[in-house]
Amino acid sequence: MVVSRKLWSTERINVYNINYNEGINLDDLGESPYYEGKFGWRKGNQLFDYSDLEKDEIKKCKRDILYFADRYAFAMTDEGIAKINLRDYQREVLREFQNNRFSILLASRQIGKTILASIFIAWYSTFHYDRNILIVSNKYDGANEIIDKVKQVVLHLPYFLKPGVSNIAVKGMSFDNGCRIRSSATTPTAGIGYTNHLVYADEFAYVHNNIAEKFFKSIFPTLVSSKISRMIITSTPNNKNLFYRIYNSALNKLNGFRALRVDWWQVPGRDERWKQSQIADLGSEDIFNQEYGNSFESSGNSLASGDVLRFFSRIQSTYEHVNIDILDNPLYENAYKHLTWHPELFEELDDDDKFVLSVDLGSGVGGDYTVINIFKVVRMNYPKIYNYTYLANGENDYFTLKQVGIFRDNLTDNEEVAFLTAALISDYLFPENSLIVVEMNHRGAEFIKDIEKYKPDLLDNDIFFRGISRKNKKYNQMETGVYVSKTKVDECKVLLKNWKNRRIVVTEENTYIECAGFGLNEKGFYEGLGVHDDTVMTMVNLGNVFNSSQFIWLVEDEIQQFSNDEIEIMDI
């Protein structure tokens, strides 16, 4: 059988490379398989004999970007060109880039987002056909750096995976599969003149707002109109500009973008000691917060510590709506569709479980959100109990509130939310197993009246938490619900303690993002720094619940179900 000299294979490429590296005469091997003789760059439109194993490998890489990255992504490191070992948060971001057409990433400094972009763009341009990729950054040097890293990833792929090169230039490159990559500084006209299928906008918060607005308005409508076009926006925060508005809308599911976030403490080796050393080097905590803190307020200081957020990030999950037949009612069908649950924890719920629901009310006409945060009362694990040396309130201190469900919406009428809450307690979670904490500062009294109107018998079950009266504190008089001070300083200190001691555990991804963005503003008030804080407020409101007689009653009922051995352990 005579094989065409123009048909290459991995075996022939390996022989060619050996001869090339040893300086042997290459005439017998015919033309170079490399673009313009530049070693490593596959020449366009080469005939190649793929083995079955290589065909299978191509399919796996195309299907799964993490498979591609784990096996074939190389880039320049401090030790030279080396395979990239992705961190957990980098793997998550790449997966989200693959699974979502529109993504926006809020990222701390030095988390490796440039290499993430280069891996994604290299993967996208290798395994797609006839696509235009545009890379823009606040400065041309930034876009050029991404192009260089994309080139490194492509250059170090095995020959059978490489796309054939049609052209290489400083500002971009094109392949024989019809994919073309261009780079530019972000300008109002950077995206005009081409049909763009993937737009990557880096450090978008640092583009002058007038330019960013014009660029986005010129390019995004054409991306949306296509069924295949994508856009990825990444940046560290820089005040409340267009990047902030897109990100905040994505958090609240008001646009088509998927909101992603990477914080400084997610990088291995960065802990509170590292933070303090950086503050010392940078000169102030404000500068640290601006560069590393993911705060849209330059002086914003996050309430949650890195250790708390690191723990929450490991256990966060995307909540899902669950069809519960008994709650299917036209009276509150709009509210019901916004009730979501942790998919795994929901399956574990049973009739004996105890719950605390914390309610923060918005107006129902946009703006602030109405939130019902649903927590299951859970006993701490034994190692945590052994390490818990101080019991302020007896054995009930061994119990945690673990988030299992949430209602969150800013357009549902509060009466309908109250009807849903009443049905949830009356028909599904059961009154004897539940406690509702209502913030009374805004519409709380109306909410309770609406519940009474729909399910009047519920109020006979002592389901509403009673806190110490604002007007008669010294007499320890009690009143329904909780009132939060304007600055919330004392209440937030209690919340941080509850987070640190794992008394309140967050499992929902959007709640986690609110926690990460909640902090002290420049006026000394606690609020969401670039994010809404309504869900966090439901946890602020839980500060006095743990030492209340109502919570103790829930816990005592749980303790009665423990074996004698378990009770002895709790009596340390």
Protein backbone atom coordinates (compact mmCIF):
# COMPACT_ATOMS: atom_id res chain seq x y z
CA MET A 1 0.00 0.00 0.00
CA VAL A 2 1.37 3.39 -0.98
CA VAL A 3 0.71 6.15 1.56
CA SER A 4 0.59 9.72 0.32
CA ARG A 5 3.54 11.74 1.50
CA LYS A 6 1.09 14.53 2.31
CA LEU A 7 -0.83 12.39 4.82
CA TRP A 8 0.54 13.02 8.29
CA SER A 9 0.07 11.01 11.46
CA THR A 10 1.26 11.34 15.02
CA GLU A 11 3.97 8.78 14.27
CA ARG A 12 5.27 10.78 11.28
CA ILE A 13 5.10 14.02 13.29
CA ASN A 14 7.15 12.45 16.09
CA VAL A 15 9.80 11.30 13.61
CA TYR A 16 9.87 14.71 12.01
CA ASN A 17 10.25 16.40 15.41
CA ILE A 18 13.13 14.11 16.41
CA ASN A 19 14.93 14.80 13.15
CA TYR A 20 14.23 18.51 13.46
CA ASN A 21 15.64 18.68 17.00
CA GLU A 22 18.73 16.68 15.98
CA GLY A 23 19.36 18.82 12.89
CA ILE A 24 18.98 15.91 10.47
CA ASN A 25 18.24 16.59 6.81
CA LEU A 26 14.47 16.72 6.45
CA ASP A 27 14.19 16.39 2.67
CA ASP A 28 13.01 12.79 2.89
CA LEU A 29 10.03 13.87 4.99
CA GLY A 30 8.77 16.37 2.43
CA GLU A 31 7.27 19.73 3.35
CA SER A 32 7.20 20.90 6.93
CA PRO A 33 3.94 20.16 8.77
CA TYR A 34 4.30 23.50 10.53
CA TYR A 35 2.96 26.91 9.55
CA GLU A 36 5.67 28.81 7.62
CA GLY A 37 8.19 26.37 9.11
CA LYS A 38 7.57 27.75 12.63
CA PHE A 39 8.02 24.74 14.83
CA GLY A 40 4.93 23.86 16.89
CA TRP A 41 2.33 25.68 14.80
CA ARG A 42 0.30 23.19 12.79
CA LYS A 43 0.01 24.16 9.14
CA GLY A 44 -3.50 24.80 7.95
CA ASN A 45 -5.43 22.25 5.89
CA GLN A 46 -3.03 19.38 6.56
CA LEU A 47 -4.23 15.87 5.77
CA PHE A 48 -3.96 13.85 8.96
CA ASP A 49 -4.55 10.18 9.73
CA TYR A 50 -6.23 10.16 13.14
CA SER A 51 -6.13 7.00 15.21
CA ASP A 52 -9.29 5.77 16.91
CA LEU A 53 -7.81 6.80 20.24
CA GLU A 54 -7.13 10.32 18.96
CA LYS A 55 -10.64 10.63 17.57
CA ASP A 56 -12.04 9.62 20.94
CA GLU A 57 -9.75 12.09 22.69
CA ILE A 58 -10.92 14.94 20.45
CA LYS A 59 -14.54 14.12 21.31
CA LYS A 60 -13.79 14.12 25.04
CA CYS A 61 -11.96 17.45 24.87
CA LYS A 62 -14.71 19.08 22.85
CA ARG A 63 -17.37 17.83 25.24
CA ASP A 64 -15.62 18.76 28.49
CA ILE A 65 -13.39 21.80 28.91
CA LEU A 66 -12.04 20.48 32.22
CA TYR A 67 -10.93 17.27 30.56
CA PHE A 68 -9.16 19.42 27.96
CA ALA A 69 -7.56 21.70 30.56
CA ASP A 70 -6.44 18.94 32.92
CA ARG A 71 -4.60 17.05 30.20
CA TYR A 72 -3.45 19.56 27.65
CA ALA A 73 -3.33 23.14 29.01
CA PHE A 74 0.23 24.44 29.32
CA ALA A 75 1.33 28.03 29.96
CA MET A 76 4.26 30.11 31.16
CA THR A 77 4.81 29.90 34.91
CA ASP A 78 7.58 31.04 37.26
CA GLU A 79 9.31 27.74 36.45
CA GLY A 80 8.86 28.13 32.69
CA ILE A 81 6.31 26.42 30.46
CA ALA A 82 4.40 23.89 32.56
CA LYS A 83 1.06 22.15 32.69
CA ILE A 84 -1.56 24.21 34.48
CA ASN A 85 -2.90 22.68 37.68
CA LEU A 86 -6.30 24.24 38.12
CA ARG A 87 -7.53 25.25 41.55
CA ASP A 88 -11.05 24.31 42.62
CA TYR A 89 -12.50 27.77 42.00
CA GLN A 90 -10.84 27.90 38.57
CA ARG A 91 -12.44 24.62 37.61
CA GLU A 92 -15.82 25.94 38.70
CA VAL A 93 -15.40 29.15 36.67
CA LEU A 94 -14.34 27.27 33.53
CA ARG A 95 -17.33 24.98 33.84
CA GLU A 96 -19.64 27.97 34.17
CA PHE A 97 -18.02 29.61 31.13
CA GLN A 98 -18.74 26.47 29.14
CA ASN A 99 -22.31 26.04 30.36
CA ASN A 100 -23.53 29.64 30.06
CA ARG A 101 -23.75 31.88 27.00
CA PHE A 102 -23.31 35.05 29.06
CA SER A 103 -21.08 35.14 32.15
CA ILE A 104 -19.82 37.97 34.34
CA LEU A 105 -17.02 37.33 36.83
CA LEU A 106 -16.23 39.55 39.80
CA ALA A 107 -12.69 38.62 40.77
CA SER A 108 -10.07 39.57 43.30
CA ARG A 109 -6.60 40.44 42.07
CA GLN A 110 -4.20 37.64 41.17
CA ILE A 111 -6.66 34.75 41.06
CA GLY A 112 -5.54 33.62 37.60
CA LYS A 113 -8.42 34.95 35.52
CA THR A 114 -6.13 35.67 32.56
CA ILE A 115 -5.13 32.03 32.29
CA LEU A 116 -8.78 31.03 32.68
CA ALA A 117 -9.68 33.26 29.76
CA SER A 118 -6.83 31.90 27.65
CA ILE A 119 -7.80 28.27 28.31
CA PHE A 120 -11.42 28.95 27.45
CA ILE A 121 -10.62 30.87 24.27
CA ALA A 122 -8.10 28.23 23.16
CA TRP A 123 -10.68 25.48 23.78
CA TYR A 124 -13.45 27.42 22.05
CA SER A 125 -11.41 28.23 18.95
CA THR A 126 -10.04 24.68 18.71
CA PHE A 127 -13.35 22.83 18.84
CA HIS A 128 -15.68 25.16 16.96
CA TYR A 129 -15.99 26.14 13.33
CA ASP A 130 -16.38 29.53 11.65
CA ARG A 131 -16.42 31.66 14.79
CA ASN A 132 -15.07 35.17 15.41
CA ILE A 133 -13.59 35.76 18.85
CA LEU A 134 -12.99 39.30 20.10
CA ILE A 135 -10.81 40.01 23.14
CA VAL A 136 -11.00 43.51 24.61
CA SER A 137 -9.49 44.99 27.73
CA ASN A 138 -9.28 48.39 29.37
CA LYS A 139 -5.78 48.66 27.90
CA TYR A 140 -4.33 47.07 24.80
CA ASP A 141 -1.52 45.48 26.86
CA GLY A 142 -4.14 43.54 28.80
CA ALA A 143 -5.75 42.19 25.63
CA ASN A 144 -2.33 41.39 24.20
CA GLU A 145 -1.39 39.41 27.31
CA ILE A 146 -4.48 37.23 26.87
CA ILE A 147 -3.66 36.69 23.19
CA ASP A 148 -0.13 35.63 24.12
CA LYS A 149 -1.43 33.10 26.64
CA VAL A 150 -3.94 31.73 24.16
CA LYS A 151 -1.05 31.22 21.75
CA GLN A 152 0.92 29.37 24.43
CA VAL A 153 -1.96 27.01 25.14
CA VAL A 154 -2.52 26.27 21.43
CA LEU A 155 1.20 25.95 20.71
CA HIS A 156 1.68 23.25 23.35
CA LEU A 157 -1.26 21.08 22.37
CA PRO A 158 -0.36 17.73 20.80
CA TYR A 159 -0.34 17.98 17.02
CA PHE A 160 -3.51 15.95 16.52
CA LEU A 161 -5.46 18.40 18.72
CA LYS A 162 -4.08 21.64 17.29
CA PRO A 163 -6.15 23.68 14.88
CA GLY A 164 -4.24 24.44 11.70
CA VAL A 165 -2.92 28.00 11.54
CA SER A 166 -3.89 30.27 8.66
CA ASN A 167 -2.34 33.44 10.03
CA ILE A 168 -0.51 34.63 13.14
CA ALA A 169 -0.18 38.31 14.05
CA VAL A 170 0.57 40.32 17.17
CA LYS A 171 -3.08 41.21 17.68
CA GLY A 172 -4.58 37.84 16.85
CA MET A 173 -4.56 34.68 14.81
CA SER A 174 -6.83 32.60 12.57
CA PHE A 175 -7.22 28.87 12.04
CA ASP A 176 -8.22 26.59 9.20
CA ASN A 177 -11.46 25.69 11.01
CA GLY A 178 -12.66 29.20 10.28
CA CYS A 179 -12.09 30.56 13.79
CA ARG A 180 -10.49 33.97 14.06
CA ILE A 181 -9.22 35.69 17.23
CA ARG A 182 -8.77 39.46 17.42
CA SER A 183 -7.69 41.69 20.30
CA SER A 184 -8.20 45.35 20.98
CA ALA A 185 -8.41 47.96 23.66
CA THR A 186 -12.04 48.58 24.60
CA THR A 187 -13.37 51.39 22.40
CA PRO A 188 -16.88 52.34 21.31
CA THR A 189 -16.23 50.77 17.90
CA ALA A 190 -14.10 47.77 18.90
CA GLY A 191 -16.81 45.27 17.99
CA ILE A 192 -18.07 46.91 14.83
CA GLY A 193 -17.40 45.44 11.39
CA TYR A 194 -17.47 41.75 12.31
CA THR A 195 -20.03 39.20 13.35
CA ASN A 196 -18.73 38.25 16.78
CA HIS A 197 -19.52 34.86 18.25
CA LEU A 198 -17.48 35.16 21.44
CA VAL A 199 -16.62 38.45 23.11
CA TYR A 200 -14.31 38.45 26.10
CA ALA A 201 -14.17 41.80 27.94
CA ASP A 202 -11.46 41.99 30.60
CA GLU A 203 -11.19 44.56 33.43
CA PHE A 204 -14.46 46.02 32.23
CA ALA A 205 -14.99 48.05 35.41
CA TYR A 206 -11.87 50.07 34.54
CA VAL A 207 -13.06 51.13 31.09
CA HIS A 208 -14.24 54.75 31.10
CA ASN A 209 -17.98 54.55 31.64
CA ASN A 210 -18.90 56.49 28.49
CA ILE A 211 -16.76 54.15 26.39
CA ALA A 212 -18.05 51.05 28.19
CA GLU A 213 -21.67 52.11 27.65
CA LYS A 214 -21.17 52.75 23.92
CA PHE A 215 -19.21 49.53 23.42
CA PHE A 216 -21.81 47.42 25.22
CA LYS A 217 -24.73 49.03 23.39
CA SER A 218 -23.04 48.49 20.04
CA ILE A 219 -22.16 44.84 20.53
CA PHE A 220 -24.57 43.18 22.97
CA PRO A 221 -27.80 43.40 20.92
CA THR A 222 -26.16 41.48 18.05
CA LEU A 223 -24.90 38.83 20.48
CA VAL A 224 -28.35 38.35 21.99
CA SER A 225 -29.97 38.06 18.57
CA SER A 226 -27.73 35.09 17.73
CA LYS A 227 -28.44 31.61 19.07
CA ILE A 228 -24.76 30.72 19.46
CA SER A 229 -22.97 33.96 20.42
CA ARG A 230 -21.40 34.30 23.84
CA MET A 231 -20.00 37.04 26.05
CA ILE A 232 -17.73 36.82 29.08
CA ILE A 233 -17.07 39.91 31.21
CA THR A 234 -14.47 39.87 33.97
CA SER A 235 -13.11 42.54 36.29
CA THR A 236 -12.13 43.57 39.74
CA PRO A 237 -14.64 46.13 41.07
CA ASN A 238 -14.20 49.85 40.49
CA ASN A 239 -17.13 51.86 41.84
CA LYS A 240 -20.74 51.48 40.73
CA ASN A 241 -20.48 51.73 36.96
CA LEU A 242 -21.77 49.61 34.06
CA PHE A 243 -19.87 46.52 35.24
CA TYR A 244 -21.53 46.87 38.64
CA ARG A 245 -24.98 47.26 37.09
CA ILE A 246 -24.60 44.20 34.86
CA TYR A 247 -23.20 42.12 37.73
CA ASN A 248 -25.85 43.23 40.21
CA SER A 249 -28.63 42.55 37.71
CA ALA A 250 -27.14 39.11 37.05
CA LEU A 251 -27.16 38.36 40.78
CA ASN A 252 -30.84 39.18 40.89
CA LYS A 253 -31.58 37.27 37.68
CA LEU A 254 -32.71 40.42 35.89
CA ASN A 255 -30.59 39.78 32.80
CA GLY A 256 -29.19 36.80 30.93
CA PHE A 257 -25.75 36.81 32.55
CA ARG A 258 -24.54 34.20 35.00
CA ALA A 259 -22.94 35.98 37.99
CA LEU A 260 -19.67 34.44 39.19
CA ARG A 261 -17.34 35.53 41.98
CA VAL A 262 -13.85 34.62 43.16
CA ASP A 263 -12.51 36.06 46.41
CA TRP A 264 -8.96 36.45 47.70
CA TRP A 265 -9.34 33.77 50.35
CA GLN A 266 -10.18 31.09 47.76
CA VAL A 267 -6.55 31.06 46.64
CA PRO A 268 -4.62 28.40 48.59
CA GLY A 269 -2.28 29.92 51.16
CA ARG A 270 -4.24 33.13 51.58
CA ASP A 271 -5.57 33.38 55.11
CA GLU A 272 -6.09 36.13 57.67
CA ARG A 273 -2.34 36.32 58.30
CA TRP A 274 -1.74 36.82 54.57
CA LYS A 275 -4.42 39.52 54.54
CA GLN A 276 -2.77 41.43 57.37
CA SER A 277 0.63 41.24 55.67
CA GLN A 278 -0.90 42.63 52.47
CA ILE A 279 -2.56 45.45 54.37
CA ALA A 280 0.80 46.32 55.90
CA ASP A 281 2.48 46.28 52.46
CA LEU A 282 -0.28 48.24 50.74
CA GLY A 283 -0.54 50.80 53.51
CA SER A 284 -4.23 50.57 54.42
CA GLU A 285 -7.18 48.24 54.65
CA ASP A 286 -9.09 50.47 52.21
CA ILE A 287 -6.52 49.74 49.49
CA PHE A 288 -6.68 46.03 50.27
CA ASN A 289 -10.47 46.07 50.01
CA GLN A 290 -10.28 47.86 46.69
CA GLU A 291 -7.69 45.49 45.20
CA TYR A 292 -8.62 42.20 46.84
CA GLY A 293 -11.91 42.66 48.70
CA ASN A 294 -14.33 42.56 45.75
CA SER A 295 -16.00 45.62 47.23
CA PHE A 296 -17.69 48.18 44.99
CA GLU A 297 -17.25 50.64 47.86
CA SER A 298 -13.61 51.65 48.05
CA SER A 299 -13.73 51.73 51.85
CA GLY A 300 -16.11 48.81 52.25
CA ASN A 301 -15.09 46.23 54.81
CA SER A 302 -16.70 42.78 54.58
CA LEU A 303 -18.35 41.49 57.74
CA ALA A 304 -17.59 37.83 57.11
CA SER A 305 -14.04 36.62 57.59
CA GLY A 306 -12.21 34.65 54.93
CA ASP A 307 -12.54 31.47 57.00
CA VAL A 308 -16.32 31.83 57.20
CA LEU A 309 -16.70 32.50 53.47
CA ARG A 310 -14.31 29.69 52.59
CA PHE A 311 -16.52 27.28 54.55
CA PHE A 312 -19.73 28.58 52.97
CA SER A 313 -18.24 28.39 49.48
CA ARG A 314 -17.47 24.68 49.91
CA ILE A 315 -21.07 23.77 50.72
CA GLN A 316 -23.06 26.15 48.52
CA SER A 317 -25.55 24.76 46.06
CA THR A 318 -27.96 25.96 43.38
CA TYR A 319 -31.45 25.81 44.87
CA GLU A 320 -34.32 24.47 42.78
CA HIS A 321 -38.08 24.84 42.77
CA VAL A 322 -39.78 21.65 43.97
CA ASN A 323 -43.35 20.70 43.17
CA ILE A 324 -45.21 20.25 46.46
CA ASP A 325 -48.79 19.34 45.64
CA ILE A 326 -50.23 20.57 48.91
CA LEU A 327 -48.86 24.08 48.19
CA ASP A 328 -50.26 24.29 44.67
CA ASN A 329 -52.88 27.02 45.13
CA PRO A 330 -53.99 29.91 42.85
CA LEU A 331 -54.03 32.28 45.84
CA TYR A 332 -50.24 32.33 45.97
CA GLU A 333 -49.11 30.62 42.76
CA ASN A 334 -46.77 33.48 41.79
CA ALA A 335 -45.06 33.43 45.18
CA TYR A 336 -44.91 29.64 45.16
CA LYS A 337 -42.84 29.52 41.94
CA HIS A 338 -40.12 31.57 43.68
CA LEU A 339 -39.85 29.12 46.59
CA THR A 340 -36.70 27.04 46.10
CA TRP A 341 -34.92 24.32 48.06
CA HIS A 342 -31.53 22.71 48.41
CA PRO A 343 -32.03 19.68 46.11
CA GLU A 344 -30.29 17.20 48.41
CA LEU A 345 -31.31 18.57 51.81
CA PHE A 346 -34.95 18.79 50.69
CA GLU A 347 -35.02 15.03 50.07
CA GLU A 348 -33.86 14.47 53.66
CA LEU A 349 -36.68 16.45 55.32
CA ASP A 350 -39.21 14.51 57.38
CA ASP A 351 -42.19 15.20 59.62
CA ASP A 352 -40.12 15.38 62.81
CA ASP A 353 -37.78 18.13 61.58
CA LYS A 354 -37.88 21.55 63.23
CA PHE A 355 -37.61 24.82 61.32
CA VAL A 356 -36.95 28.49 61.85
CA LEU A 357 -38.18 30.85 59.12
CA SER A 358 -36.78 34.38 59.01
CA VAL A 359 -38.76 36.96 57.03
CA ASP A 360 -37.58 40.30 55.66
CA LEU A 361 -40.22 42.23 53.68
CA GLY A 362 -39.80 44.43 50.64
CA SER A 363 -42.44 46.50 48.90
CA GLY A 364 -43.34 43.95 46.23
CA VAL A 365 -42.98 46.53 43.45
CA GLY A 366 -39.28 46.21 42.65
CA GLY A 367 -36.34 47.45 44.70
CA ASP A 368 -35.72 45.63 47.97
CA TYR A 369 -36.50 41.92 48.03
CA THR A 370 -38.94 40.04 50.18
CA VAL A 371 -37.13 37.02 51.63
CA ILE A 372 -38.30 33.99 53.56
CA ASN A 373 -35.15 32.18 54.65
CA ILE A 374 -35.88 28.63 55.79
CA PHE A 375 -33.53 26.96 58.26
CA LYS A 376 -33.64 23.44 59.63
CA VAL A 377 -32.68 22.95 63.28
CA VAL A 378 -29.69 20.60 63.18
CA ARG A 379 -27.57 19.17 65.95
CA MET A 380 -23.84 19.93 65.67
CA ASN A 381 -21.57 17.02 64.86
CA TYR A 382 -19.63 15.40 67.71
CA PRO A 383 -16.23 17.01 66.95
CA LYS A 384 -17.86 20.44 67.04
CA ILE A 385 -19.65 19.62 70.31
CA TYR A 386 -16.41 18.43 71.91
CA ASN A 387 -14.74 21.73 70.97
CA TYR A 388 -17.64 23.84 72.20
CA THR A 389 -16.50 24.67 75.74
CA TYR A 390 -18.81 27.55 76.65
CA LEU A 391 -22.55 27.02 77.03
CA ALA A 392 -24.36 30.32 77.53
CA ASN A 393 -27.81 28.82 77.13
CA GLY A 394 -27.40 25.17 78.06
CA GLU A 395 -27.67 22.28 75.67
CA ASN A 396 -29.55 24.31 73.06
CA ASP A 397 -26.17 25.83 72.18
CA TYR A 398 -25.33 22.52 70.51
CA PHE A 399 -27.83 23.22 67.74
CA THR A 400 -27.35 24.94 64.42
CA LEU A 401 -29.67 26.59 61.90
CA LYS A 402 -28.83 25.13 58.51
CA GLN A 403 -30.30 26.83 55.44
CA VAL A 404 -32.47 24.44 53.40
CA GLY A 405 -34.91 26.65 51.47
CA ILE A 406 -35.61 30.22 50.43
CA PHE A 407 -38.20 32.50 48.88
CA ARG A 408 -36.70 35.61 47.30
CA ASP A 409 -38.48 38.02 44.96
CA ASN A 410 -39.11 41.77 44.72
CA LEU A 411 -42.25 41.78 42.58
CA THR A 412 -44.61 39.48 44.47
CA ASP A 413 -47.32 41.15 46.55
CA ASN A 414 -46.65 40.80 50.29
CA GLU A 415 -50.16 39.50 50.95
CA GLU A 416 -49.50 36.63 48.57
CA VAL A 417 -46.16 35.97 50.29
CA ALA A 418 -47.98 35.86 53.63
CA PHE A 419 -50.52 33.37 52.25
CA LEU A 420 -47.66 31.15 50.99
CA THR A 421 -45.95 31.34 54.39
CA ALA A 422 -49.15 30.43 56.20
CA ALA A 423 -49.74 27.45 53.92
CA LEU A 424 -46.12 26.35 54.22
CA ILE A 425 -46.34 26.32 58.02
CA SER A 426 -49.88 25.00 58.31
CA ASP A 427 -49.82 22.29 55.66
CA TYR A 428 -46.21 21.26 55.10
CA LEU A 429 -43.74 22.11 57.90
CA PHE A 430 -46.42 22.00 60.67
CA PRO A 431 -46.97 24.75 63.29
CA GLU A 432 -45.68 22.72 66.23
CA ASN A 433 -42.35 22.31 64.42
CA SER A 434 -41.87 25.88 63.25
CA LEU A 435 -40.89 29.34 64.45
CA ILE A 436 -41.23 32.48 62.31
CA VAL A 437 -38.98 35.50 62.90
CA VAL A 438 -40.41 38.65 61.32
CA GLU A 439 -38.59 41.98 61.05
CA MET A 440 -41.13 44.59 62.15
CA ASN A 441 -39.35 47.71 60.89
CA HIS A 442 -41.12 47.53 57.54
CA ARG A 443 -44.57 45.99 56.91
CA GLY A 444 -44.09 43.27 59.53
CA ALA A 445 -47.39 43.96 61.28
CA GLU A 446 -49.25 43.82 57.94
CA PHE A 447 -47.58 40.49 57.15
CA ILE A 448 -48.77 38.94 60.42
CA LYS A 449 -52.31 40.25 59.86
CA ASP A 450 -52.35 38.73 56.37
CA ILE A 451 -51.30 35.35 57.79
CA GLU A 452 -54.08 35.61 60.37
CA LYS A 453 -56.56 36.48 57.63
CA TYR A 454 -55.69 33.37 55.61
CA LYS A 455 -55.01 30.90 58.46
CA PRO A 456 -56.46 32.39 61.68
CA ASP A 457 -55.85 29.24 63.71
CA LEU A 458 -52.12 29.51 63.19
CA LEU A 459 -51.80 32.28 65.75
CA ASP A 460 -52.94 29.85 68.43
CA ASN A 461 -49.71 27.90 67.98
CA ASP A 462 -47.21 30.53 69.19
CA ILE A 463 -45.43 30.44 65.82
CA PHE A 464 -44.09 34.02 65.86
CA PHE A 465 -40.84 34.80 67.63
CA ARG A 466 -41.14 37.36 70.42
CA GLY A 467 -38.23 39.64 71.20
CA ILE A 468 -37.61 42.07 74.04
CA SER A 469 -39.70 45.20 73.65
CA ARG A 470 -37.90 48.27 72.38
CA LYS A 471 -39.89 50.53 74.71
CA ASN A 472 -39.71 48.41 77.87
CA LYS A 473 -36.32 46.72 77.69
CA LYS A 474 -35.56 47.13 81.37
CA TYR A 475 -38.72 45.22 82.29
CA ASN A 476 -37.91 42.44 79.81
CA GLN A 477 -41.33 42.80 78.24
CA MET A 478 -41.76 40.86 75.03
CA GLU A 479 -43.29 41.87 71.70
CA THR A 480 -43.85 40.02 68.46
CA GLY A 481 -41.02 40.13 65.91
CA VAL A 482 -37.68 41.90 65.92
CA TYR A 483 -36.63 45.49 65.31
CA VAL A 484 -33.21 46.25 63.84
CA SER A 485 -31.25 49.42 64.61
CA LYS A 486 -30.32 51.81 61.81
CA THR A 487 -26.58 51.04 61.84
CA LYS A 488 -27.04 47.35 62.72
CA VAL A 489 -23.55 47.31 64.24
CA ASP A 490 -24.36 45.28 67.35
CA GLU A 491 -26.66 42.90 65.49
CA CYS A 492 -24.01 42.27 62.83
CA LYS A 493 -21.39 41.45 65.45
CA VAL A 494 -23.74 38.76 66.75
CA LEU A 495 -24.28 37.47 63.21
CA LEU A 496 -20.53 37.18 62.61
CA LYS A 497 -20.20 35.22 65.86
CA ASN A 498 -23.02 32.90 64.76
CA TRP A 499 -21.33 32.40 61.40
CA LYS A 500 -17.96 31.65 63.01
CA ASN A 501 -19.47 29.21 65.51
CA ARG A 502 -21.48 27.51 62.73
CA ARG A 503 -24.72 28.40 64.51
CA ILE A 504 -26.03 29.75 61.19
CA VAL A 505 -24.92 27.83 58.10
CA VAL A 506 -25.44 29.12 54.56
CA THR A 507 -25.84 26.63 51.71
CA GLU A 508 -27.48 28.62 48.87
CA GLU A 509 -25.17 30.20 46.28
CA ASN A 510 -26.90 33.60 46.04
CA THR A 511 -27.07 33.88 49.83
CA TYR A 512 -23.34 33.15 49.94
CA ILE A 513 -22.70 35.94 47.41
CA GLU A 514 -24.70 38.37 49.56
CA CYS A 515 -22.66 37.32 52.60
CA ALA A 516 -19.42 37.96 50.74
CA GLY A 517 -20.61 41.42 49.67
CA PHE A 518 -22.06 42.54 53.01
CA GLY A 519 -19.99 44.92 55.08
CA LEU A 520 -19.35 48.27 56.71
CA ASN A 521 -19.64 51.28 54.41
CA GLU A 522 -17.74 54.54 54.72
CA LYS A 523 -20.53 56.03 56.86
CA GLY A 524 -20.25 53.27 59.44
CA PHE A 525 -23.42 51.46 58.37
CA TYR A 526 -23.66 47.79 57.52
CA GLU A 527 -25.19 47.12 54.12
CA GLY A 528 -24.68 45.25 50.86
CA LEU A 529 -21.56 46.63 49.17
CA GLY A 530 -22.60 46.33 45.56
CA VAL A 531 -25.15 43.60 46.25
CA HIS A 532 -28.58 43.44 47.84
CA ASP A 533 -28.55 42.57 51.52
CA ASP A 534 -32.14 41.43 52.14
CA THR A 535 -31.16 37.78 52.57
CA VAL A 536 -28.34 38.67 54.96
CA MET A 537 -30.83 40.72 56.98
CA THR A 538 -32.89 37.61 57.59
CA MET A 539 -29.83 36.21 59.37
CA VAL A 540 -29.12 39.45 61.24
CA ASN A 541 -32.65 39.11 62.62
CA LEU A 542 -31.84 35.71 64.13
CA GLY A 543 -29.41 37.11 66.71
CA ASN A 544 -31.66 36.70 69.77
CA VAL A 545 -33.39 33.51 68.67
CA PHE A 546 -30.93 31.03 70.17
CA ASN A 547 -31.50 32.08 73.78
CA SER A 548 -35.28 32.42 73.44
CA SER A 549 -37.70 30.14 75.23
CA GLN A 550 -39.31 29.31 71.90
CA PHE A 551 -36.07 28.02 70.39
CA ILE A 552 -35.29 26.12 73.58
CA TRP A 553 -38.68 24.43 73.25
CA LEU A 554 -37.81 23.30 69.71
CA VAL A 555 -34.45 21.99 70.87
CA GLU A 556 -35.83 20.22 73.94
CA ASP A 557 -38.21 18.34 71.71
CA GLU A 558 -35.22 17.27 69.63
CA ILE A 559 -33.17 16.26 72.67
CA GLN A 560 -35.92 13.92 73.82
CA GLN A 561 -35.35 11.88 70.68
CA PHE A 562 -31.65 11.31 71.43
CA SER A 563 -30.36 8.12 72.97
CA ASN A 564 -28.95 8.18 76.50
CA ASP A 565 -25.41 7.90 75.16
CA GLU A 566 -25.92 10.95 72.98
CA ILE A 567 -27.31 12.93 75.92
CA GLU A 568 -24.24 12.04 78.00
CA ILE A 569 -22.01 13.34 75.24
CA MET A 570 -23.98 16.57 75.23
CA ASP A 571 -23.61 16.86 79.02
CA ILE A 572 -19.83 17.34 78.81
